[in-house]
Amino acid sequence: MGKTYKVGIYPRLSREDGDNVESQSIINQREFMMKYIDQHDDLILVGEYVDDGYSGSNFDRPGWKRLMHDIDSKKIDTIITKDLSRMGRDHISMGNYIETVFPEKGVRYIAINDDIDTLYETPGLEYLQFKLMFNDFYIKDTSKKIRKTMRSKKEQGQYTGWKGIYGYKRDPKDNHKLIVDEEVRGIVVRMFDLAKQGYGSRGIADIFTKEGIPNPSTYANLIRGTKTETSKLWCSRTIDELLQNPTYIGHLTQGRRKKVSYKSKKEIRVPKDEWIISKNTHEAIIDEETFNTVQELLKKNKNNPKHKNNHLLKGFLYCNECGHSIGINTSSDKKRRYCACRYYTAHSKYNLCTPHTMNYDKLENAILKQLRETIKEYVDTTDFINKIDNAKRKNGIKDKLKNKLYSIEVKINQTTNCIDNAYMDKLNGEITLEQYQRVILKFKEKLEELNIEKQEISKELGCIDGNDISDSKREKEEIVKQMKKFLSLENPSRELLVNLIDRIYISDKKDKDGEKEVKIVYKFKLI
């Protein structure tokens, strides 16, 4: 008997690669390879290395790692797969293994269906690069189709995550819907309450960590009965992402991250204007007014994580001359608070601006006095109330048109998908050319009608006058209530102030009383 080879068989299956579960099952692959070994006396089975549910786009798989370890320890010297695609689909890595790694390690590789055996000059080796490129193209094409299908589901308001967003869990009756996770509802509510009180993301994270509250990833692991070394740690980035997620007001928000490549597991954040948001899909944990207030406070609290000296006007003050922010400082004896241009402070020796120094307490009192006078005048004006009512009506029309436009865009995507599916059916021989042409004609007519309707609604939206009294729907609806609330309080909070004021500019010029000129930019506008 001649030389024998110690064989490790490697079956792999992945729905992510578009594998046919029935024809490519682990059992099917195992039986196929065992039959091949039985037909060759020089092959002796030593072990099986299985990766069930792992993509072929990379080699970060437990079965494959165990296989390579046993190769290094000389336990096996031959690898058998049913075909090349079972080993992997990334043509660069595959080529490196077959042409470099395996020869250097003295490993024989056999891909049965592709007629490849590196011990001999088999015909399959001549076309190796073409087959590897085809397999790579296949996974790229499959990945593209999967992403397209997943995006379509997201646009239809179907939840596609494998677990619920923190604060929610998947509905047992329908995995594409979310229900509130009562175990952590209170944590989410408290997180937003702390943000409304002026705490920054770092401050909230520190509080939760000190109290031993498991962070979202740990909480998910705890459900599966496992523990991690960082089970009590929260980070500011996690808090930031949760506080900015509209899912908590009942609007399912998906597509906030995406993979850099179909070959990589690394994800990057997606800009907010590209998020996929489906409104009113599930129960809200946070009311919309609270959510919007927190978004404004997050902007004002930026770079002020702990807020031990969270002054009322902090984050609102800007230099009229250079446009940079104005900081609030405390004198060394802790008796006086004063404002100063941060740009000047950082570059004072270059004379790029002036100090803009002024007493903070006097400024705060002056601002509140001016704000009360302005608001009282506006609230007492009947025309102001009429403008608010008109803005509400206009906003209602806009919302209806936007919802209708969104619905049409979803239908357009669905129709486009139907056209693509019909084309694939024709290629696969599932329908005749005549059937395909008839179906496509119908879908194209529908697509044309939808596009015309979309143009008409877009035009109608463009015709609506954009001179609103504020920059968001919540501000339009709540502005009077916020104003009256402000007037009724002796000491207003930052939460209330952020709903009324956008910025406050301090000028180096003096007013008639000899004080620096102050200009308040309100969030409500009257024309």
Protein backbone atom coordinates (compact mmCIF):
# COMPACT_ATOMS: atom_id res chain seq x y z
CA MET A 1 0.00 0.00 0.00
CA GLY A 2 1.32 3.44 -0.97
CA LYS A 3 1.27 6.66 0.99
CA THR A 4 -1.90 7.49 2.90
CA TYR A 5 -3.31 10.91 3.65
CA LYS A 6 -4.90 12.05 6.93
CA VAL A 7 -8.14 13.74 5.90
CA GLY A 8 -10.21 16.46 7.49
CA ILE A 9 -13.58 16.97 5.79
CA TYR A 10 -15.04 20.48 5.85
CA PRO A 11 -18.80 21.02 5.33
CA ARG A 12 -20.15 24.59 5.49
CA LEU A 13 -23.60 26.09 5.09
CA SER A 14 -24.83 29.69 5.11
CA ARG A 15 -28.14 31.26 4.15
CA GLU A 16 -26.26 34.56 3.91
CA ASP A 17 -24.47 33.16 0.84
CA GLY A 18 -27.81 32.25 -0.71
CA ASP A 19 -27.17 28.52 -0.19
CA ASN A 20 -29.99 26.12 -0.96
CA VAL A 21 -30.54 24.59 2.48
CA GLU A 22 -31.84 21.29 1.13
CA SER A 23 -29.23 20.59 -1.55
CA GLN A 24 -26.27 21.98 0.39
CA SER A 25 -27.18 20.68 3.85
CA ILE A 26 -24.39 19.58 6.17
CA ILE A 27 -25.71 16.01 6.04
CA ASN A 28 -25.71 16.06 2.23
CA GLN A 29 -22.13 17.36 2.10
CA ARG A 30 -20.93 14.85 4.71
CA GLU A 31 -22.41 11.87 2.88
CA PHE A 32 -20.99 13.08 -0.43
CA MET A 33 -17.45 13.42 0.98
CA MET A 34 -17.60 10.13 2.91
CA LYS A 35 -18.57 8.32 -0.28
CA TYR A 36 -15.56 9.90 -2.04
CA ILE A 37 -13.20 8.78 0.76
CA ASP A 38 -14.59 5.23 0.60
CA GLN A 39 -13.68 5.13 -3.10
CA HIS A 40 -10.02 6.08 -2.48
CA ASP A 41 -7.80 3.76 -0.47
CA ASP A 42 -5.14 6.40 0.16
CA LEU A 43 -7.56 8.65 2.11
CA ILE A 44 -8.10 8.09 5.86
CA LEU A 45 -10.70 10.18 7.68
CA VAL A 46 -9.28 11.79 10.81
CA GLY A 47 -11.85 14.46 11.66
CA GLU A 48 -14.78 16.61 10.60
CA TYR A 49 -14.77 20.42 10.89
CA VAL A 50 -18.22 21.96 10.51
CA ASP A 51 -19.30 25.61 10.11
CA ASP A 52 -23.08 25.71 10.01
CA GLY A 53 -24.45 29.22 9.54
CA TYR A 54 -21.16 30.97 8.67
CA SER A 55 -20.67 33.08 5.55
CA GLY A 56 -18.08 32.18 2.93
CA SER A 57 -17.12 35.84 2.50
CA ASN A 58 -14.36 35.52 5.13
CA PHE A 59 -12.51 32.85 7.12
CA ASP A 60 -13.46 34.01 10.61
CA ARG A 61 -15.19 30.71 11.40
CA PRO A 62 -14.66 28.40 14.40
CA GLY A 63 -14.63 25.16 12.38
CA TRP A 64 -12.10 26.53 9.91
CA LYS A 65 -9.86 27.83 12.72
CA ARG A 66 -9.92 24.41 14.39
CA LEU A 67 -9.07 22.83 11.04
CA MET A 68 -6.04 25.09 10.54
CA HIS A 69 -4.88 24.40 14.11
CA ASP A 70 -4.92 20.65 13.43
CA ILE A 71 -2.99 21.23 10.20
CA ASP A 72 -0.31 23.13 12.13
CA SER A 73 -0.13 20.31 14.69
CA LYS A 74 0.26 17.77 11.84
CA LYS A 75 -2.94 15.97 12.84
CA ILE A 76 -4.20 16.22 9.25
CA ASP A 77 -2.53 16.89 5.92
CA THR A 78 -5.49 16.80 3.52
CA ILE A 79 -8.65 18.92 3.29
CA ILE A 80 -11.72 17.81 1.36
CA THR A 81 -14.75 19.96 0.53
CA LYS A 82 -17.74 19.19 -1.67
CA ASP A 83 -16.76 22.11 -3.93
CA LEU A 84 -14.75 25.33 -3.82
CA SER A 85 -17.67 27.43 -2.58
CA ARG A 86 -17.92 25.29 0.59
CA MET A 87 -14.39 26.30 1.55
CA GLY A 88 -15.12 29.97 0.82
CA ARG A 89 -16.21 32.55 -1.72
CA ASP A 90 -13.61 35.32 -1.35
CA HIS A 91 -11.39 34.75 -4.39
CA ILE A 92 -8.38 36.61 -2.97
CA SER A 93 -8.24 34.63 0.29
CA MET A 94 -9.12 31.39 -1.50
CA GLY A 95 -6.33 31.90 -4.03
CA ASN A 96 -3.87 32.64 -1.23
CA TYR A 97 -4.78 29.45 0.64
CA ILE A 98 -4.70 27.14 -2.40
CA GLU A 99 -1.63 28.61 -4.10
CA THR A 100 0.48 29.70 -1.12
CA VAL A 101 -0.62 28.55 2.36
CA PHE A 102 -1.44 24.93 1.53
CA PRO A 103 1.75 24.27 -0.50
CA GLU A 104 3.91 25.84 2.24
CA LYS A 105 2.25 23.65 4.88
CA GLY A 106 2.35 20.54 2.71
CA VAL A 107 -1.44 20.28 2.58
CA ARG A 108 -3.35 18.50 -0.14
CA TYR A 109 -6.67 20.10 -1.06
CA ILE A 110 -9.54 18.36 -2.84
CA ALA A 111 -12.73 20.07 -4.09
CA ILE A 112 -14.67 17.11 -5.46
CA ASN A 113 -17.31 18.72 -7.69
CA ASP A 114 -14.84 21.20 -9.17
CA ASP A 115 -12.39 18.42 -10.10
CA ILE A 116 -9.59 19.96 -8.06
CA ASP A 117 -6.88 17.91 -6.36
CA THR A 118 -3.66 19.81 -5.68
CA LEU A 119 -1.68 16.54 -5.58
CA TYR A 120 -2.26 16.11 -9.29
CA GLU A 121 -2.62 18.40 -12.30
CA THR A 122 -6.39 17.95 -12.42
CA PRO A 123 -8.39 19.83 -15.10
CA GLY A 124 -10.15 21.94 -12.46
CA LEU A 125 -6.88 23.65 -11.49
CA GLU A 126 -6.56 25.17 -14.95
CA TYR A 127 -9.78 27.12 -14.43
CA LEU A 128 -9.26 27.76 -10.71
CA GLN A 129 -9.08 31.57 -10.91
CA PHE A 130 -12.20 31.76 -13.07
CA LYS A 131 -14.14 29.61 -10.60
CA LEU A 132 -12.89 31.63 -7.64
CA MET A 133 -13.90 34.89 -9.33
CA PHE A 134 -17.32 33.46 -10.14
CA ASN A 135 -17.84 32.37 -6.51
CA ASP A 136 -16.81 35.83 -5.32
CA PHE A 137 -19.20 37.44 -7.80
CA TYR A 138 -21.95 35.09 -6.61
CA ILE A 139 -21.66 36.14 -2.96
CA LYS A 140 -21.43 39.80 -3.97
CA ASP A 141 -24.58 39.48 -6.05
CA THR A 142 -26.34 37.50 -3.31
CA SER A 143 -25.31 40.08 -0.71
CA LYS A 144 -26.71 42.85 -2.91
CA LYS A 145 -30.04 41.03 -3.28
CA ILE A 146 -30.25 40.35 0.45
CA ARG A 147 -29.56 44.02 1.25
CA LYS A 148 -32.21 45.07 -1.25
CA THR A 149 -34.74 42.67 0.26
CA MET A 150 -33.91 43.79 3.80
CA ARG A 151 -34.20 47.45 2.84
CA SER A 152 -37.59 46.78 1.27
CA LYS A 153 -38.76 45.14 4.51
CA LYS A 154 -37.46 48.09 6.54
CA GLU A 155 -39.24 50.57 4.28
CA GLN A 156 -42.46 48.63 4.83
CA GLY A 157 -42.06 49.08 8.60
CA GLN A 158 -40.94 45.51 9.34
CA TYR A 159 -38.35 45.11 12.07
CA THR A 160 -35.38 43.06 10.79
CA GLY A 161 -33.05 42.88 13.80
CA TRP A 162 -32.18 39.58 15.47
CA LYS A 163 -32.99 41.06 18.88
CA GLY A 164 -35.02 44.03 20.02
CA ILE A 165 -33.62 47.53 20.44
CA TYR A 166 -32.85 48.24 24.13
CA GLY A 167 -36.21 48.89 25.78
CA TYR A 168 -38.04 46.65 23.32
CA LYS A 169 -38.16 42.99 22.37
CA ARG A 170 -39.47 41.18 19.33
CA ASP A 171 -43.14 40.28 19.45
CA PRO A 172 -43.43 36.47 19.88
CA LYS A 173 -46.47 36.55 17.58
CA ASP A 174 -44.65 38.51 14.86
CA ASN A 175 -40.85 38.82 14.86
CA HIS A 176 -41.11 41.81 12.52
CA LYS A 177 -42.81 43.90 15.24
CA LEU A 178 -41.56 45.34 18.54
CA ILE A 179 -43.21 45.30 21.96
CA VAL A 180 -42.03 47.11 25.08
CA ASP A 181 -39.61 45.23 27.33
CA GLU A 182 -41.10 46.09 30.72
CA GLU A 183 -37.93 45.00 32.55
CA VAL A 184 -35.97 47.99 31.23
CA ARG A 185 -38.75 50.45 30.31
CA GLY A 186 -37.98 52.38 33.51
CA ILE A 187 -34.29 52.66 32.61
CA VAL A 188 -35.14 54.24 29.25
CA VAL A 189 -37.59 56.68 30.85
CA ARG A 190 -35.03 57.63 33.52
CA MET A 191 -32.34 58.13 30.89
CA PHE A 192 -34.50 60.70 29.08
CA ASP A 193 -35.51 62.34 32.39
CA LEU A 194 -31.85 62.79 33.31
CA ALA A 195 -31.16 64.27 29.88
CA LYS A 196 -34.05 66.73 30.38
CA GLN A 197 -32.52 67.76 33.70
CA GLY A 198 -29.38 68.77 31.81
CA TYR A 199 -27.13 65.75 32.27
CA GLY A 200 -24.85 64.96 29.35
CA SER A 201 -24.30 61.51 27.89
CA ARG A 202 -21.12 60.98 29.92
CA GLY A 203 -22.89 61.99 33.14
CA ILE A 204 -25.80 59.61 32.52
CA ALA A 205 -23.40 56.78 31.65
CA ASP A 206 -21.49 57.34 34.91
CA ILE A 207 -24.71 57.26 36.95
CA PHE A 208 -25.89 53.99 35.38
CA THR A 209 -22.45 52.42 35.79
CA LYS A 210 -22.18 53.39 39.47
CA GLU A 211 -25.64 51.97 40.13
CA GLY A 212 -24.65 48.67 38.53
CA ILE A 213 -27.27 48.79 35.77
CA PRO A 214 -26.25 46.34 33.00
CA ASN A 215 -25.59 48.07 29.68
CA PRO A 216 -27.61 47.02 26.60
CA SER A 217 -25.15 44.43 25.27
CA THR A 218 -24.71 42.90 28.72
CA TYR A 219 -28.46 42.86 29.26
CA ALA A 220 -28.88 40.89 26.04
CA ASN A 221 -26.19 38.45 27.19
CA LEU A 222 -27.78 38.10 30.62
CA ILE A 223 -30.95 36.90 28.96
CA ARG A 224 -28.89 34.09 27.44
CA GLY A 225 -27.35 33.36 30.85
CA THR A 226 -23.83 34.65 30.16
CA LYS A 227 -21.73 37.34 31.84
CA THR A 228 -19.00 39.65 30.59
CA GLU A 229 -16.17 41.52 32.31
CA THR A 230 -17.71 44.86 31.35
CA SER A 231 -21.23 44.00 32.56
CA LYS A 232 -21.50 47.20 34.63
CA LEU A 233 -19.97 49.65 32.17
CA TRP A 234 -21.90 52.20 30.13
CA CYS A 235 -20.27 54.52 27.60
CA SER A 236 -21.37 57.96 26.47
CA ARG A 237 -21.63 56.85 22.84
CA THR A 238 -24.22 54.22 23.79
CA ILE A 239 -26.27 56.83 25.68
CA ASP A 240 -25.97 59.22 22.73
CA GLU A 241 -27.26 56.63 20.27
CA LEU A 242 -30.18 55.67 22.51
CA LEU A 243 -31.22 59.27 23.23
CA GLN A 244 -31.23 60.09 19.50
CA ASN A 245 -33.24 57.03 18.42
CA PRO A 246 -36.82 57.92 17.28
CA THR A 247 -37.82 54.29 17.92
CA TYR A 248 -38.59 55.37 21.51
CA ILE A 249 -41.42 57.65 20.30
CA GLY A 250 -43.01 54.84 18.30
CA HIS A 251 -41.27 55.49 14.97
CA LEU A 252 -39.29 52.38 13.98
CA THR A 253 -35.82 53.58 12.97
CA GLN A 254 -33.52 51.23 11.07
CA GLY A 255 -30.52 51.50 8.78
CA ARG A 256 -28.53 53.55 11.29
CA ARG A 257 -25.44 51.47 10.53
CA LYS A 258 -24.15 49.63 7.50
CA LYS A 259 -21.26 47.31 6.66
CA VAL A 260 -18.31 48.88 4.86
CA SER A 261 -18.24 45.89 2.49
CA TYR A 262 -19.97 42.56 1.93
CA LYS A 263 -16.62 40.97 2.87
CA SER A 264 -16.26 42.82 6.17
CA LYS A 265 -18.07 42.72 9.50
CA LYS A 266 -17.08 46.29 10.30
CA GLU A 267 -19.97 48.74 10.44
CA ILE A 268 -20.09 52.51 10.06
CA ARG A 269 -22.71 55.02 11.17
CA VAL A 270 -25.15 56.28 8.57
CA PRO A 271 -26.11 60.00 8.39
CA LYS A 272 -29.50 60.79 9.96
CA ASP A 273 -31.03 61.85 6.66
CA GLU A 274 -30.44 58.30 5.35
CA TRP A 275 -32.10 56.49 8.26
CA ILE A 276 -35.18 54.42 7.38
CA ILE A 277 -37.99 55.65 9.63
CA SER A 278 -41.49 54.14 9.72
CA LYS A 279 -43.91 56.16 11.82
CA ASN A 280 -46.28 54.82 14.48
CA THR A 281 -45.32 51.16 14.19
CA HIS A 282 -45.31 50.26 17.92
CA GLU A 283 -45.96 51.55 21.43
CA ALA A 284 -43.90 54.60 22.39
CA ILE A 285 -41.91 54.67 25.63
CA ILE A 286 -41.13 58.40 25.44
CA ASP A 287 -43.52 61.18 24.40
CA GLU A 288 -42.55 63.25 21.37
CA GLU A 289 -42.28 66.53 23.29
CA THR A 290 -39.74 65.03 25.71
CA PHE A 291 -37.78 63.46 22.86
CA ASN A 292 -37.53 66.71 20.89
CA THR A 293 -36.57 68.69 24.00
CA VAL A 294 -33.78 66.22 24.72
CA GLN A 295 -32.47 66.59 21.14
CA GLU A 296 -32.15 70.33 21.66
CA LEU A 297 -30.52 69.90 25.07
CA LEU A 298 -28.01 67.44 23.66
CA LYS A 299 -26.87 70.14 21.24
CA LYS A 300 -26.56 72.71 24.01
CA ASN A 301 -24.83 70.30 26.38
CA LYS A 302 -22.20 69.23 23.86
CA ASN A 303 -18.75 69.03 25.43
CA ASN A 304 -20.22 69.69 28.89
CA PRO A 305 -20.56 66.13 30.21
CA LYS A 306 -21.01 66.48 33.97
CA HIS A 307 -22.76 69.85 34.26
CA LYS A 308 -21.74 70.53 37.85
CA ASN A 309 -22.08 74.22 37.02
CA ASN A 310 -24.93 73.95 34.58
CA HIS A 311 -25.72 77.64 34.17
CA LEU A 312 -29.11 78.54 32.73
CA LEU A 313 -27.63 80.18 29.62
CA LYS A 314 -24.83 77.66 29.06
CA GLY A 315 -24.67 76.68 25.39
CA PHE A 316 -26.81 79.63 24.25
CA LEU A 317 -24.16 82.39 24.27
CA TYR A 318 -22.19 83.35 21.14
CA CYS A 319 -19.81 86.14 20.20
CA ASN A 320 -21.40 88.58 17.75
CA GLU A 321 -18.03 89.53 16.25
CA CYS A 322 -16.29 86.16 15.64
CA GLY A 323 -19.26 83.78 15.91
CA HIS A 324 -17.60 81.44 18.41
CA SER A 325 -19.18 80.38 21.70
CA ILE A 326 -18.95 82.46 24.85
CA GLY A 327 -17.98 80.60 28.00
CA ILE A 328 -19.19 81.13 31.56
CA ASN A 329 -16.43 81.20 34.18
CA THR A 330 -16.21 81.60 37.93
CA SER A 331 -13.70 83.92 39.59
CA SER A 332 -10.95 82.40 41.74
CA ASP A 333 -12.69 83.50 44.95
CA LYS A 334 -15.92 81.75 43.76
CA LYS A 335 -17.90 84.97 44.33
CA ARG A 336 -18.39 86.19 40.77
CA ARG A 337 -19.48 84.61 37.49
CA TYR A 338 -18.48 86.22 34.22
CA CYS A 339 -18.67 85.60 30.45
CA ALA A 340 -15.76 85.63 27.99
CA CYS A 341 -15.27 84.84 24.31
CA ARG A 342 -13.64 81.43 24.10
CA TYR A 343 -11.97 82.19 20.78
CA TYR A 344 -10.29 85.26 22.29
CA THR A 345 -9.26 83.31 25.40
CA ALA A 346 -7.63 80.58 23.30
CA HIS A 347 -5.84 83.01 20.93
CA SER A 348 -5.50 86.22 22.97
CA LYS A 349 -1.94 86.93 21.85
CA TYR A 350 -3.02 87.12 18.21
CA ASN A 351 -5.74 89.76 18.79
CA LEU A 352 -8.24 87.77 16.72
CA CYS A 353 -11.18 88.99 18.81
CA THR A 354 -11.92 90.91 22.03
CA PRO A 355 -12.73 89.51 25.52
CA HIS A 356 -16.46 90.42 25.51
CA THR A 357 -16.25 90.13 29.30
CA MET A 358 -19.41 90.87 31.28
CA ASN A 359 -21.08 89.88 34.54
CA TYR A 360 -23.02 86.65 33.99
CA ASP A 361 -25.69 87.23 36.66
CA LYS A 362 -26.52 90.67 35.27
CA LEU A 363 -26.68 89.16 31.75
CA GLU A 364 -29.00 86.34 32.86
CA ASN A 365 -31.39 88.76 34.58
CA ALA A 366 -31.38 91.05 31.52
CA ILE A 367 -32.07 88.14 29.17
CA LEU A 368 -34.97 86.82 31.26
CA LYS A 369 -36.46 90.31 31.56
CA GLN A 370 -36.25 90.89 27.80
CA LEU A 371 -37.65 87.44 27.10
CA ARG A 372 -40.65 88.00 29.39
CA GLU A 373 -41.43 91.38 27.82
CA THR A 374 -41.20 89.96 24.30
CA ILE A 375 -43.33 86.91 25.06
CA LYS A 376 -45.98 88.89 26.97
CA GLU A 377 -46.36 91.24 24.01
CA TYR A 378 -46.71 88.36 21.55
CA VAL A 379 -49.05 86.24 23.67
CA ASP A 380 -51.34 89.20 24.19
CA THR A 381 -51.53 89.79 20.45
CA THR A 382 -54.56 88.14 18.81
CA ASP A 383 -52.82 88.10 15.46
CA PHE A 384 -50.08 85.95 16.99
CA ILE A 385 -52.60 83.27 17.99
CA ASN A 386 -54.12 83.38 14.50
CA LYS A 387 -50.71 82.84 12.94
CA ILE A 388 -50.13 79.85 15.19
CA ASP A 389 -53.49 78.36 14.17
CA ASN A 390 -52.65 78.91 10.50
CA ALA A 391 -49.27 77.28 10.99
CA LYS A 392 -50.94 74.26 12.61
CA ARG A 393 -53.35 73.87 9.70
CA LYS A 394 -50.55 74.24 7.21
CA ASN A 395 -48.48 71.71 9.11
CA GLY A 396 -51.39 69.27 9.11
CA ILE A 397 -51.64 69.50 5.32
CA LYS A 398 -47.90 69.02 5.00
CA ASP A 399 -47.97 65.93 7.22
CA LYS A 400 -50.76 64.35 5.16
CA LEU A 401 -48.90 65.03 1.93
CA LYS A 402 -45.62 63.70 3.34
CA ASN A 403 -47.29 60.53 4.58
CA LYS A 404 -48.91 60.05 1.18
CA LEU A 405 -45.57 60.66 -0.54
CA TYR A 406 -43.88 58.09 1.72
CA SER A 407 -46.60 55.54 0.91
CA ILE A 408 -46.09 56.09 -2.82
CA GLU A 409 -42.31 55.70 -2.50
CA VAL A 410 -42.84 52.36 -0.74
CA LYS A 411 -45.14 51.23 -3.60
CA ILE A 412 -42.53 52.33 -6.16
CA ASN A 413 -39.88 50.23 -4.41
CA GLN A 414 -42.25 47.25 -4.25
CA THR A 415 -43.10 47.55 -7.95
CA THR A 416 -39.41 47.83 -8.88
CA ASN A 417 -38.72 44.68 -6.86
CA CYS A 418 -41.54 42.90 -8.73
CA ILE A 419 -39.94 43.85 -12.06
CA ASP A 420 -36.56 42.51 -10.88
CA ASN A 421 -38.16 39.28 -9.64
CA ALA A 422 -40.01 38.80 -12.93
CA TYR A 423 -36.75 39.17 -14.81
CA MET A 424 -35.10 36.52 -12.62
CA ASP A 425 -38.11 34.22 -13.13
CA LYS A 426 -37.65 34.57 -16.90
CA LEU A 427 -33.93 33.82 -16.66
CA ASN A 428 -34.63 30.76 -14.50
CA GLY A 429 -37.25 29.51 -16.97
CA GLU A 430 -40.09 29.77 -14.46
CA ILE A 431 -42.14 31.93 -16.84
CA THR A 432 -42.18 32.24 -20.63
CA LEU A 433 -41.03 35.30 -22.57
CA GLU A 434 -44.65 36.09 -23.45
CA GLN A 435 -45.69 35.91 -19.79
CA TYR A 436 -42.72 38.07 -18.82
CA GLN A 437 -43.56 40.77 -21.39
CA ARG A 438 -47.21 40.83 -20.27
CA VAL A 439 -46.28 41.12 -16.58
CA ILE A 440 -43.60 43.75 -17.19
CA LEU A 441 -46.00 45.91 -19.23
CA LYS A 442 -48.44 45.88 -16.34
CA PHE A 443 -45.79 46.76 -13.77
CA LYS A 444 -44.27 49.52 -15.92
CA GLU A 445 -47.68 51.14 -16.37
CA LYS A 446 -48.20 51.05 -12.60
CA LEU A 447 -44.70 52.47 -12.03
CA GLU A 448 -45.39 55.34 -14.43
CA GLU A 449 -48.65 56.18 -12.64
CA LEU A 450 -46.90 56.17 -9.26
CA ASN A 451 -44.08 58.42 -10.49
CA ILE A 452 -46.60 60.91 -11.92
CA GLU A 453 -48.49 60.92 -8.61
CA LYS A 454 -45.20 61.39 -6.74
CA GLN A 455 -44.31 64.42 -8.90
CA GLU A 456 -47.72 66.00 -8.33
CA ILE A 457 -47.50 65.62 -4.53
CA SER A 458 -43.92 66.91 -4.48
CA LYS A 459 -45.05 69.93 -6.48
CA GLU A 460 -47.95 70.51 -4.10
CA LEU A 461 -45.59 70.36 -1.14
CA GLY A 462 -43.31 72.89 -2.81
CA CYS A 463 -46.20 75.31 -3.27
CA ILE A 464 -47.01 75.46 0.44
CA ASP A 465 -45.62 78.63 1.96
CA GLY A 466 -42.62 77.83 4.15
CA ASN A 467 -42.83 80.85 6.44
CA ASP A 468 -43.66 78.96 9.61
CA ILE A 469 -43.38 80.49 13.09
CA SER A 470 -40.84 77.87 14.17
CA ASP A 471 -38.58 75.21 12.81
CA SER A 472 -40.45 72.07 13.83
CA LYS A 473 -43.95 70.68 14.24
CA ARG A 474 -43.64 70.37 18.00
CA GLU A 475 -42.61 74.01 18.35
CA LYS A 476 -45.60 75.15 16.27
CA GLU A 477 -48.05 73.18 18.37
CA GLU A 478 -46.50 73.85 21.77
CA ILE A 479 -45.18 77.40 21.45
CA VAL A 480 -48.06 79.16 23.23
CA LYS A 481 -48.06 76.64 26.07
CA GLN A 482 -44.28 77.04 26.49
CA MET A 483 -44.55 80.82 26.51
CA LYS A 484 -47.28 80.85 29.15
CA LYS A 485 -45.35 78.33 31.21
CA PHE A 486 -42.28 80.58 31.04
CA LEU A 487 -44.25 83.63 32.15
CA SER A 488 -45.69 81.73 35.13
CA LEU A 489 -42.29 80.68 36.52
CA GLU A 490 -39.96 82.88 38.50
CA ASN A 491 -36.94 80.72 37.75
CA PRO A 492 -37.34 78.91 34.38
CA SER A 493 -35.39 75.74 33.60
CA ARG A 494 -32.99 75.05 30.73
CA GLU A 495 -35.54 72.53 29.47
CA LEU A 496 -38.09 75.32 29.04
CA LEU A 497 -35.59 77.85 27.72
CA VAL A 498 -34.39 75.53 24.96
CA ASN A 499 -37.91 75.52 23.52
CA LEU A 500 -37.95 79.31 23.19
CA ILE A 501 -34.40 80.47 22.40
CA ASP A 502 -32.03 79.41 19.64
CA ARG A 503 -29.01 81.63 20.34
CA ILE A 504 -27.95 84.74 22.23
CA TYR A 505 -25.34 87.00 20.63
CA ILE A 506 -23.20 89.34 22.75
CA SER A 507 -21.63 92.29 20.95
CA ASP A 508 -18.62 94.37 21.91
CA LYS A 509 -20.66 97.45 21.03
CA LYS A 510 -22.42 99.32 23.81
CA ASP A 511 -26.14 100.08 24.01
CA LYS A 512 -27.70 103.35 25.23
CA ASP A 513 -27.20 102.29 28.87
CA GLY A 514 -23.51 101.63 28.36
CA GLU A 515 -23.89 97.84 28.46
CA LYS A 516 -22.81 95.42 25.76
CA GLU A 517 -25.50 94.91 23.12
CA VAL A 518 -27.35 91.61 23.42
CA LYS A 519 -29.41 90.03 20.65
CA ILE A 520 -31.75 87.08 21.28
CA VAL A 521 -32.54 84.78 18.35
CA TYR A 522 -35.94 83.23 19.14
CA LYS A 523 -37.33 79.96 17.89
CA PHE A 524 -40.61 81.64 17.06
CA LYS A 525 -40.94 84.19 14.29
CA LEU A 526 -43.52 86.81 13.51
CA ILE A 527 -43.75 88.52 10.12
